[in-house]
């Protein structure tokens, strides 16, 4: 009997965590419009956004991502200098 090969794709996204005045964190994934979550702690927010990403991709976007020619998001720090007068 032949073994069945399971293929797994790994996706990596940048998540933006924003501390909330009332406590906890809101979190969004800019590469996945509308993919947002929250948590009372940073760890809870991180767990919740992972689940939100999985649900987002299972909702049909995965096949679109595989077939579309999307440019990857590039995140880079930008330094500026402002002269005082």
PDB file of N, CA and C in Angstrom:
ATOM      1  N   UNK A   1       0.847  -1.176   0.000  1.00  0.00           N
ATOM      2  CA  UNK A   1       0.000   0.000   0.000  1.00  0.00           C
ATOM      3  C   UNK A   1       0.894   1.242   0.000  1.00  0.00           C
ATOM      4  N   UNK A   2       0.647   2.149  -0.915  1.00  0.00           N
ATOM      5  CA  UNK A   2       1.443   3.369  -1.032  1.00  0.00           C
ATOM      6  C   UNK A   2       1.037   4.369   0.041  1.00  0.00           C
ATOM      7  N   UNK A   3       2.040   5.059   0.554  1.00  0.00           N
ATOM      8  CA  UNK A   3       1.760   6.099   1.542  1.00  0.00           C
ATOM      9  C   UNK A   3       1.235   7.337   0.829  1.00  0.00           C
ATOM     10  N   UNK A   4       0.286   7.981   1.467  1.00  0.00           N
ATOM     11  CA  UNK A   4      -0.274   9.212   0.912  1.00  0.00           C
ATOM     12  C   UNK A   4       0.596  10.389   1.346  1.00  0.00           C
ATOM     13  N   UNK A   5       0.995  11.197   0.388  1.00  0.00           N
ATOM     14  CA  UNK A   5       1.823  12.358   0.683  1.00  0.00           C
ATOM     15  C   UNK A   5       0.907  13.544   0.981  1.00  0.00           C
ATOM     16  N   UNK A   6       1.146  14.178   2.111  1.00  0.00           N
ATOM     17  CA  UNK A   6       0.373  15.353   2.497  1.00  0.00           C
ATOM     18  C   UNK A   6       1.209  16.581   2.202  1.00  0.00           C
ATOM     19  N   UNK A   7       0.648  17.466   1.396  1.00  0.00           N
ATOM     20  CA  UNK A   7       1.346  18.714   1.082  1.00  0.00           C
ATOM     21  C   UNK A   7       0.837  19.804   2.014  1.00  0.00           C
ATOM     22  N   UNK A   8       1.760  20.590   2.497  1.00  0.00           N
ATOM     23  CA  UNK A   8       1.400  21.680   3.397  1.00  0.00           C
ATOM     24  C   UNK A   8       2.103  22.928   2.918  1.00  0.00           C
ATOM     25  N   UNK A   9       1.351  24.009   2.825  1.00  0.00           N
ATOM     26  CA  UNK A   9       1.943  25.295   2.464  1.00  0.00           C
ATOM     27  C   UNK A   9       2.011  26.149   3.715  1.00  0.00           C
ATOM     28  N   UNK A  10       3.088  26.865   3.843  1.00  0.00           N
ATOM     29  CA  UNK A  10       3.279  27.755   4.987  1.00  0.00           C
ATOM     30  C   UNK A  10       3.222  29.183   4.475  1.00  0.00           C
ATOM     31  N   UNK A  11       2.367  29.980   5.085  1.00  0.00           N
ATOM     32  CA  UNK A  11       2.238  31.393   4.740  1.00  0.00           C
ATOM     33  C   UNK A  11       2.730  32.217   5.916  1.00  0.00           C
ATOM     34  N   UNK A  12       3.351  33.338   5.640  1.00  0.00           N
ATOM     35  CA  UNK A  12       3.829  34.226   6.692  1.00  0.00           C
ATOM     36  C   UNK A  12       3.249  35.614   6.428  1.00  0.00           C
ATOM     37  N   UNK A  13       2.627  36.191   7.445  1.00  0.00           N
ATOM     38  CA  UNK A  13       2.010  37.511   7.331  1.00  0.00           C
ATOM     39  C   UNK A  13       2.522  38.420   8.433  1.00  0.00           C
ATOM     40  N   UNK A  14       2.501  39.707   8.176  1.00  0.00           N
ATOM     41  CA  UNK A  14       2.823  40.699   9.191  1.00  0.00           C
ATOM     42  C   UNK A  14       1.524  41.114   9.878  1.00  0.00           C
ATOM     43  N   UNK A  15       1.522  41.048  11.192  1.00  0.00           N
ATOM     44  CA  UNK A  15       0.360  41.464  11.978  1.00  0.00           C
ATOM     45  C   UNK A  15       0.721  42.747  12.727  1.00  0.00           C
ATOM     46  N   UNK A  16      -0.210  43.677  12.758  1.00  0.00           N
ATOM     47  CA  UNK A  16      -0.015  44.951  13.459  1.00  0.00           C
ATOM     48  C   UNK A  16      -0.839  44.925  14.750  1.00  0.00           C
ATOM     49  N   UNK A  17      -0.153  44.970  15.885  1.00  0.00           N
ATOM     50  CA  UNK A  17      -0.808  44.953  17.196  1.00  0.00           C
ATOM     51  C   UNK A  17      -0.900  46.381  17.722  1.00  0.00           C
ATOM     52  N   UNK A  18      -2.089  46.770  18.154  1.00  0.00           N
ATOM     53  CA  UNK A  18      -2.284  48.123  18.678  1.00  0.00           C
ATOM     54  C   UNK A  18      -2.866  48.038  20.091  1.00  0.00           C
ATOM     55  N   UNK A  19      -2.099  48.527  21.088  1.00  0.00           N
ATOM     56  CA  UNK A  19      -2.642  48.538  22.453  1.00  0.00           C
ATOM     57  C   UNK A  19      -3.887  49.429  22.518  1.00  0.00           C
ATOM     58  N   UNK A  20      -4.896  48.988  23.249  1.00  0.00           N
ATOM     59  CA  UNK A  20      -6.138  49.743  23.384  1.00  0.00           C
ATOM     60  C   UNK A  20      -6.177  50.475  24.720  1.00  0.00           C
ATOM     61  N   UNK A  21      -6.771  51.646  24.728  1.00  0.00           N
ATOM     62  CA  UNK A  21      -6.848  52.467  25.934  1.00  0.00           C
ATOM     63  C   UNK A  21      -7.529  51.699  27.065  1.00  0.00           C
ATOM     64  N   UNK A  22      -8.581  50.958  26.737  1.00  0.00           N
ATOM     65  CA  UNK A  22      -9.328  50.217  27.750  1.00  0.00           C
ATOM     66  C   UNK A  22      -8.651  48.912  28.157  1.00  0.00           C
ATOM     67  N   UNK A  23      -7.506  48.621  27.525  1.00  0.00           N
ATOM     68  CA  UNK A  23      -6.762  47.402  27.822  1.00  0.00           C
ATOM     69  C   UNK A  23      -6.841  46.426  26.672  1.00  0.00           C
ATOM     70  N   UNK A  24      -5.884  45.538  26.610  1.00  0.00           N
ATOM     71  CA  UNK A  24      -5.850  44.543  25.555  1.00  0.00           C
ATOM     72  C   UNK A  24      -5.263  45.098  24.266  1.00  0.00           C
ATOM     73  N   UNK A  25      -5.393  44.315  23.210  1.00  0.00           N
ATOM     74  CA  UNK A  25      -4.814  44.663  21.919  1.00  0.00           C
ATOM     75  C   UNK A  25      -5.802  44.383  20.801  1.00  0.00           C
ATOM     76  N   UNK A  26      -5.823  45.260  19.817  1.00  0.00           N
ATOM     77  CA  UNK A  26      -6.476  44.932  18.559  1.00  0.00           C
ATOM     78  C   UNK A  26      -5.357  44.574  17.594  1.00  0.00           C
ATOM     79  N   UNK A  27      -5.656  43.727  16.617  1.00  0.00           N
ATOM     80  CA  UNK A  27      -4.619  43.265  15.701  1.00  0.00           C
ATOM     81  C   UNK A  27      -5.217  43.094  14.311  1.00  0.00           C
ATOM     82  N   UNK A  28      -4.452  43.509  13.303  1.00  0.00           N
ATOM     83  CA  UNK A  28      -4.896  43.423  11.912  1.00  0.00           C
ATOM     84  C   UNK A  28      -3.760  42.892  11.053  1.00  0.00           C
ATOM     85  N   UNK A  29      -4.126  42.296   9.931  1.00  0.00           N
ATOM     86  CA  UNK A  29      -3.155  41.786   8.962  1.00  0.00           C
ATOM     87  C   UNK A  29      -3.358  42.588   7.677  1.00  0.00           C
ATOM     88  N   UNK A  30      -2.493  43.571   7.406  1.00  0.00           N
ATOM     89  CA  UNK A  30      -2.678  44.445   6.247  1.00  0.00           C
ATOM     90  C   UNK A  30      -2.771  43.705   4.908  1.00  0.00           C
ATOM     91  N   UNK A  31      -2.092  42.584   4.760  1.00  0.00           N
ATOM     92  CA  UNK A  31      -2.120  41.841   3.497  1.00  0.00           C
ATOM     93  C   UNK A  31      -3.448  41.118   3.270  1.00  0.00           C
ATOM     94  N   UNK A  32      -4.253  40.999   4.321  1.00  0.00           N
ATOM     95  CA  UNK A  32      -5.550  40.324   4.232  1.00  0.00           C
ATOM     96  C   UNK A  32      -6.636  41.299   4.673  1.00  0.00           C
ATOM     97  N   UNK A  33      -7.132  42.113   3.769  1.00  0.00           N
ATOM     98  CA  UNK A  33      -8.117  43.149   4.130  1.00  0.00           C
ATOM     99  C   UNK A  33      -9.295  42.582   4.922  1.00  0.00           C
ATOM    100  N   UNK A  34      -9.575  43.222   6.049  1.00  0.00           N
ATOM    101  CA  UNK A  34     -10.682  42.796   6.892  1.00  0.00           C
ATOM    102  C   UNK A  34     -10.339  41.702   7.876  1.00  0.00           C
ATOM    103  N   UNK A  35      -9.110  41.216   7.848  1.00  0.00           N
ATOM    104  CA  UNK A  35      -8.695  40.172   8.783  1.00  0.00           C
ATOM    105  C   UNK A  35      -8.201  40.852  10.053  1.00  0.00           C
ATOM    106  N   UNK A  36      -9.069  40.894  11.056  1.00  0.00           N
ATOM    107  CA  UNK A  36      -8.766  41.580  12.312  1.00  0.00           C
ATOM    108  C   UNK A  36      -9.184  40.702  13.483  1.00  0.00           C
ATOM    109  N   UNK A  37      -8.632  40.985  14.647  1.00  0.00           N
ATOM    110  CA  UNK A  37      -9.008  40.279  15.860  1.00  0.00           C
ATOM    111  C   UNK A  37      -8.611  41.129  17.057  1.00  0.00           C
ATOM    112  N   UNK A  38      -8.684  40.552  18.233  1.00  0.00           N
ATOM    113  CA  UNK A  38      -8.345  41.256  19.465  1.00  0.00           C
ATOM    114  C   UNK A  38      -8.020  40.245  20.544  1.00  0.00           C
ATOM    115  N   UNK A  39      -7.546  40.741  21.667  1.00  0.00           N
ATOM    116  CA  UNK A  39      -7.289  39.890  22.823  1.00  0.00           C
ATOM    117  C   UNK A  39      -7.010  40.733  24.046  1.00  0.00           C
ATOM    118  N   UNK A  40      -7.269  40.176  25.208  1.00  0.00           N
ATOM    119  CA  UNK A  40      -7.019  40.896  26.461  1.00  0.00           C
ATOM    120  C   UNK A  40      -5.532  41.020  26.753  1.00  0.00           C
ATOM    121  N   UNK A  41      -4.728  40.103  26.198  1.00  0.00           N
ATOM    122  CA  UNK A  41      -3.279  40.160  26.341  1.00  0.00           C
ATOM    123  C   UNK A  41      -2.662  40.039  24.953  1.00  0.00           C
ATOM    124  N   UNK A  42      -1.362  40.345  24.856  1.00  0.00           N
ATOM    125  CA  UNK A  42      -0.677  40.206  23.569  1.00  0.00           C
ATOM    126  C   UNK A  42      -0.737  38.753  23.098  1.00  0.00           C
ATOM    127  N   UNK A  43      -0.502  37.814  24.007  1.00  0.00           N
ATOM    128  CA  UNK A  43      -0.503  36.397  23.664  1.00  0.00           C
ATOM    129  C   UNK A  43      -1.867  35.951  23.160  1.00  0.00           C
ATOM    130  N   UNK A  44      -2.923  36.414  23.825  1.00  0.00           N
ATOM    131  CA  UNK A  44      -4.282  36.057  23.405  1.00  0.00           C
ATOM    132  C   UNK A  44      -4.592  36.659  22.036  1.00  0.00           C
ATOM    133  N   UNK A  45      -4.175  37.908  21.812  1.00  0.00           N
ATOM    134  CA  UNK A  45      -4.390  38.543  20.518  1.00  0.00           C
ATOM    135  C   UNK A  45      -3.642  37.794  19.416  1.00  0.00           C
ATOM    136  N   UNK A  46      -2.411  37.336  19.707  1.00  0.00           N
ATOM    137  CA  UNK A  46      -1.621  36.583  18.727  1.00  0.00           C
ATOM    138  C   UNK A  46      -2.305  35.257  18.391  1.00  0.00           C
ATOM    139  N   UNK A  47      -2.805  34.570  19.387  1.00  0.00           N
ATOM    140  CA  UNK A  47      -3.527  33.309  19.160  1.00  0.00           C
ATOM    141  C   UNK A  47      -4.786  33.559  18.337  1.00  0.00           C
ATOM    142  N   UNK A  48      -5.509  34.617  18.682  1.00  0.00           N
ATOM    143  CA  UNK A  48      -6.767  34.924  17.997  1.00  0.00           C
ATOM    144  C   UNK A  48      -6.548  35.322  16.537  1.00  0.00           C
ATOM    145  N   UNK A  49      -5.471  36.059  16.251  1.00  0.00           N
ATOM    146  CA  UNK A  49      -5.242  36.467  14.860  1.00  0.00           C
ATOM    147  C   UNK A  49      -4.800  35.275  14.027  1.00  0.00           C
ATOM    148  N   UNK A  50      -4.081  34.331  14.623  1.00  0.00           N
ATOM    149  CA  UNK A  50      -3.723  33.106  13.886  1.00  0.00           C
ATOM    150  C   UNK A  50      -4.985  32.364  13.454  1.00  0.00           C
ATOM    151  N   UNK A  51      -5.931  32.255  14.367  1.00  0.00           N
ATOM    152  CA  UNK A  51      -7.200  31.597  14.043  1.00  0.00           C
ATOM    153  C   UNK A  51      -7.956  32.390  12.975  1.00  0.00           C
ATOM    154  N   UNK A  52      -7.957  33.716  13.099  1.00  0.00           N
ATOM    155  CA  UNK A  52      -8.648  34.558  12.118  1.00  0.00           C
ATOM    156  C   UNK A  52      -8.032  34.398  10.723  1.00  0.00           C
ATOM    157  N   UNK A  53      -6.705  34.311  10.656  1.00  0.00           N
ATOM    158  CA  UNK A  53      -6.018  34.118   9.365  1.00  0.00           C
ATOM    159  C   UNK A  53      -6.422  32.774   8.759  1.00  0.00           C
ATOM    160  N   UNK A  54      -6.417  31.724   9.572  1.00  0.00           N
ATOM    161  CA  UNK A  54      -6.806  30.399   9.084  1.00  0.00           C
ATOM    162  C   UNK A  54      -8.226  30.424   8.530  1.00  0.00           C
ATOM    163  N   UNK A  55      -9.151  31.031   9.254  1.00  0.00           N
ATOM    164  CA  UNK A  55     -10.537  31.117   8.797  1.00  0.00           C
ATOM    165  C   UNK A  55     -10.640  31.949   7.525  1.00  0.00           C
ATOM    166  N   UNK A  56      -9.881  33.028   7.468  1.00  0.00           N
ATOM    167  CA  UNK A  56      -9.871  33.907   6.291  1.00  0.00           C
ATOM    168  C   UNK A  56      -9.426  33.113   5.062  1.00  0.00           C
ATOM    169  N   UNK A  57      -8.347  32.364   5.195  1.00  0.00           N
ATOM    170  CA  UNK A  57      -7.821  31.605   4.071  1.00  0.00           C
ATOM    171  C   UNK A  57      -8.720  30.428   3.699  1.00  0.00           C
ATOM    172  N   UNK A  58      -9.315  29.779   4.695  1.00  0.00           N
ATOM    173  CA  UNK A  58     -10.228  28.671   4.426  1.00  0.00           C
ATOM    174  C   UNK A  58     -11.510  29.159   3.763  1.00  0.00           C
ATOM    175  N   UNK A  59     -11.796  30.458   3.907  1.00  0.00           N
ATOM    176  CA  UNK A  59     -13.013  31.034   3.336  1.00  0.00           C
ATOM    177  C   UNK A  59     -12.941  31.238   1.832  1.00  0.00           C
ATOM    178  N   UNK A  60     -11.895  30.743   1.175  1.00  0.00           N
ATOM    179  CA  UNK A  60     -11.834  30.819  -0.270  1.00  0.00           C
ATOM    180  C   UNK A  60     -10.725  31.675  -0.818  1.00  0.00           C
ATOM    181  N   UNK A  61     -10.079  32.475   0.011  1.00  0.00           N
ATOM    182  CA  UNK A  61      -9.020  33.340  -0.505  1.00  0.00           C
ATOM    183  C   UNK A  61      -7.790  32.530  -0.892  1.00  0.00           C
ATOM    184  N   UNK A  62      -7.587  31.394  -0.270  1.00  0.00           N
ATOM    185  CA  UNK A  62      -6.393  30.603  -0.530  1.00  0.00           C
ATOM    186  C   UNK A  62      -6.234  30.297  -2.013  1.00  0.00           C
ATOM    187  N   UNK A  63      -7.284  29.843  -2.670  1.00  0.00           N
ATOM    188  CA  UNK A  63      -7.164  29.531  -4.091  1.00  0.00           C
ATOM    189  C   UNK A  63      -6.910  30.788  -4.912  1.00  0.00           C
ATOM    190  N   UNK A  64      -7.484  31.904  -4.515  1.00  0.00           N
ATOM    191  CA  UNK A  64      -7.237  33.160  -5.217  1.00  0.00           C
ATOM    192  C   UNK A  64      -5.781  33.585  -5.061  1.00  0.00           C
ATOM    193  N   UNK A  65      -5.218  33.409  -3.869  1.00  0.00           N
ATOM    194  CA  UNK A  65      -3.819  33.777  -3.626  1.00  0.00           C
ATOM    195  C   UNK A  65      -2.889  32.906  -4.454  1.00  0.00           C
ATOM    196  N   UNK A  66      -3.234  31.650  -4.585  1.00  0.00           N
ATOM    197  CA  UNK A  66      -2.384  30.737  -5.338  1.00  0.00           C
ATOM    198  C   UNK A  66      -2.392  31.045  -6.830  1.00  0.00           C
ATOM    199  N   UNK A  67      -3.499  31.562  -7.342  1.00  0.00           N
ATOM    200  CA  UNK A  67      -3.603  31.795  -8.777  1.00  0.00           C
ATOM    201  C   UNK A  67      -3.335  33.241  -9.168  1.00  0.00           C
ATOM    202  N   UNK A  68      -3.447  34.159  -8.248  1.00  0.00           N
ATOM    203  CA  UNK A  68      -3.235  35.576  -8.570  1.00  0.00           C
ATOM    204  C   UNK A  68      -1.746  35.899  -8.548  1.00  0.00           C
ATOM    205  N   UNK A  69      -1.373  36.881  -9.322  1.00  0.00           N
ATOM    206  CA  UNK A  69       0.028  37.319  -9.300  1.00  0.00           C
ATOM    207  C   UNK A  69       0.103  38.567  -8.435  1.00  0.00           C
ATOM    208  N   UNK A  70       0.133  38.352  -7.136  1.00  0.00           N
ATOM    209  CA  UNK A  70       0.183  39.453  -6.178  1.00  0.00           C
ATOM    210  C   UNK A  70       1.630  39.771  -5.843  1.00  0.00           C
ATOM    211  N   UNK A  71       1.921  41.035  -5.700  1.00  0.00           N
ATOM    212  CA  UNK A  71       3.249  41.438  -5.255  1.00  0.00           C
ATOM    213  C   UNK A  71       3.336  41.212  -3.756  1.00  0.00           C
ATOM    214  N   UNK A  72       4.455  40.719  -3.260  1.00  0.00           N
ATOM    215  CA  UNK A  72       4.573  40.536  -1.821  1.00  0.00           C
ATOM    216  C   UNK A  72       4.669  41.887  -1.118  1.00  0.00           C
ATOM    217  N   UNK A  73       4.179  41.926   0.098  1.00  0.00           N
ATOM    218  CA  UNK A  73       4.269  43.136   0.903  1.00  0.00           C
ATOM    219  C   UNK A  73       5.687  43.258   1.436  1.00  0.00           C
ATOM    220  N   UNK A  74       6.225  44.445   1.396  1.00  0.00           N
ATOM    221  CA  UNK A  74       7.553  44.692   1.942  1.00  0.00           C
ATOM    222  C   UNK A  74       7.406  45.670   3.097  1.00  0.00           C
ATOM    223  N   UNK A  75       7.911  45.278   4.246  1.00  0.00           N
ATOM    224  CA  UNK A  75       7.876  46.134   5.428  1.00  0.00           C
ATOM    225  C   UNK A  75       9.298  46.557   5.715  1.00  0.00           C
ATOM    226  N   UNK A  76       9.528  47.867   5.757  1.00  0.00           N
ATOM    227  CA  UNK A  76      10.873  48.379   5.987  1.00  0.00           C
ATOM    228  C   UNK A  76      10.800  49.667   6.799  1.00  0.00           C
ATOM    229  N   UNK A  77      11.723  49.840   7.727  1.00  0.00           N
ATOM    230  CA  UNK A  77      11.758  51.099   8.474  1.00  0.00           C
ATOM    231  C   UNK A  77      12.250  52.229   7.575  1.00  0.00           C
ATOM    232  N   UNK A  78      11.691  53.394   7.777  1.00  0.00           N
ATOM    233  CA  UNK A  78      12.087  54.578   7.024  1.00  0.00           C
ATOM    234  C   UNK A  78      12.564  55.614   8.038  1.00  0.00           C
ATOM    235  N   UNK A  79      13.756  56.127   7.834  1.00  0.00           N
ATOM    236  CA  UNK A  79      14.318  57.119   8.756  1.00  0.00           C
ATOM    237  C   UNK A  79      14.273  58.492   8.101  1.00  0.00           C
ATOM    238  N   UNK A  80      13.810  59.474   8.856  1.00  0.00           N
ATOM    239  CA  UNK A  80      13.814  60.848   8.369  1.00  0.00           C
ATOM    240  C   UNK A  80      14.469  61.726   9.410  1.00  0.00           C
ATOM    241  N   UNK A  81      14.965  62.859   8.967  1.00  0.00           N
ATOM    242  CA  UNK A  81      15.536  63.793   9.899  1.00  0.00           C
ATOM    243  C   UNK A  81      14.896  65.160   9.658  1.00  0.00           C
ATOM    244  N   UNK A  82      14.513  65.793  10.738  1.00  0.00           N
ATOM    245  CA  UNK A  82      13.862  67.102  10.646  1.00  0.00           C
ATOM    246  C   UNK A  82      14.779  68.117  11.344  1.00  0.00           C
ATOM    247  N   UNK A  83      15.123  69.166  10.635  1.00  0.00           N
ATOM    248  CA  UNK A  83      16.001  70.189  11.210  1.00  0.00           C
ATOM    249  C   UNK A  83      15.202  71.152  12.065  1.00  0.00           C
ATOM    250  N   UNK A  84      15.736  71.432  13.237  1.00  0.00           N
ATOM    251  CA  UNK A  84      15.109  72.404  14.131  1.00  0.00           C
ATOM    252  C   UNK A  84      15.499  73.805  13.707  1.00  0.00           C
ATOM    253  N   UNK A  85      14.636  74.741  13.972  1.00  0.00           N
ATOM    254  CA  UNK A  85      14.945  76.143  13.641  1.00  0.00           C
ATOM    255  C   UNK A  85      15.119  76.940  14.888  1.00  0.00           C
TER     256      UNK A  85
END
